[in-house]
Amino acid sequence: MNQDITIYTTTMCPVCAMVRDFLTHMNIEFKEVNVDMNPIAMIKLIGKTKRLSVPQTHINGKWVFGFDPEKIMVALKQSN
């Protein structure tokens, strides 16, 4: 299963850690972009989603906001 998954996070975000841990536990590979360390990525992210909060997870063209395992799994299945 070839998935394109990116999690946008910040350093001190406990909910971001929950998403990261969930995907790791499910053996799902992902890329992480820490917007604390990359302000340009933060500006681009806000421009795309119009949201200021993290985590924001981009799964093969679909967005999941916050920690929502059910929506993450649905997005993964729809991408197959």
Protein backbone atom coordinates (compact mmCIF):
# COMPACT_ATOMS: atom_id res chain seq x y z
CA MET A 1 0.00 0.00 0.00
CA ASN A 2 1.68 3.19 -1.21
CA GLN A 3 0.30 6.08 0.84
CA ASP A 4 1.25 9.76 0.79
CA ILE A 5 0.76 10.90 4.38
CA THR A 6 2.04 14.10 5.96
CA ILE A 7 1.34 15.22 9.53
CA TYR A 8 1.74 18.91 10.28
CA THR A 9 2.72 19.31 13.94
CA THR A 10 4.28 21.58 16.54
CA THR A 11 6.89 20.68 19.13
CA MET A 12 4.74 20.84 22.27
CA CYS A 13 1.46 19.47 20.84
CA PRO A 14 0.20 16.40 22.76
CA VAL A 15 -2.51 15.72 20.17
CA CYS A 16 0.15 15.69 17.45
CA ALA A 17 1.96 12.99 19.43
CA MET A 18 -1.27 10.98 19.55
CA VAL A 19 -1.59 11.04 15.74
CA ARG A 20 2.10 10.18 15.33
CA ASP A 21 1.83 7.30 17.84
CA PHE A 22 -1.37 5.99 16.21
CA LEU A 23 0.18 5.85 12.74
CA THR A 24 3.38 4.32 14.10
CA HIS A 25 1.39 1.68 16.02
CA MET A 26 -0.55 0.87 12.83
CA ASN A 27 2.78 0.52 10.91
CA ILE A 28 1.77 3.33 8.55
CA GLU A 29 4.65 5.37 7.15
CA PHE A 30 4.30 9.14 7.20
CA LYS A 31 6.23 12.34 6.79
CA GLU A 32 6.15 14.90 9.61
CA VAL A 33 6.46 18.65 9.11
CA ASN A 34 7.01 20.57 12.34
CA VAL A 35 5.64 24.05 11.62
CA ASP A 36 7.50 25.45 14.66
CA MET A 37 10.71 24.72 12.78
CA ASN A 38 9.39 25.65 9.34
CA PRO A 39 7.37 28.89 9.35
CA ILE A 40 7.07 28.88 5.56
CA ALA A 41 5.34 25.50 5.74
CA MET A 42 3.03 26.97 8.40
CA ILE A 43 2.03 29.86 6.14
CA LYS A 44 1.41 27.49 3.21
CA LEU A 45 -0.62 25.15 5.44
CA ILE A 46 -2.85 27.96 6.70
CA GLY A 47 -3.34 29.09 3.11
CA LYS A 48 -4.46 25.60 2.06
CA THR A 49 -6.69 24.63 4.97
CA LYS A 50 -7.66 28.00 6.50
CA ARG A 51 -6.99 26.46 9.93
CA LEU A 52 -4.55 27.60 12.59
CA SER A 53 -4.55 24.42 14.69
CA VAL A 54 -2.47 21.26 14.57
CA PRO A 55 -2.30 18.41 13.98
CA GLN A 56 -3.41 18.45 10.40
CA THR A 57 -2.92 15.20 8.53
CA HIS A 58 -2.88 15.10 4.74
CA ILE A 59 -3.65 11.63 3.39
CA ASN A 60 -3.52 11.23 -0.39
CA GLY A 61 -5.28 14.54 -1.00
CA LYS A 62 -7.68 14.36 1.96
CA TRP A 63 -7.37 16.32 5.23
CA VAL A 64 -7.97 15.02 8.75
CA PHE A 65 -7.89 17.60 11.54
CA GLY A 66 -7.03 16.74 15.13
CA PHE A 67 -6.81 13.16 16.39
CA ASP A 68 -9.54 11.17 14.67
CA PRO A 69 -8.48 7.55 14.11
CA GLU A 70 -11.75 6.69 12.37
CA LYS A 71 -11.37 9.47 9.79
CA ILE A 72 -7.71 8.57 9.30
CA MET A 73 -8.62 4.96 8.53
CA VAL A 74 -11.45 6.01 6.20
CA ALA A 75 -9.08 8.33 4.30
CA LEU A 76 -6.53 5.52 4.02
CA LYS A 77 -9.12 3.05 2.69
CA GLN A 78 -10.54 5.56 0.20
CA SER A 79 -7.04 6.06 -1.16
CA ASN A 80 -6.54 2.40 -2.11
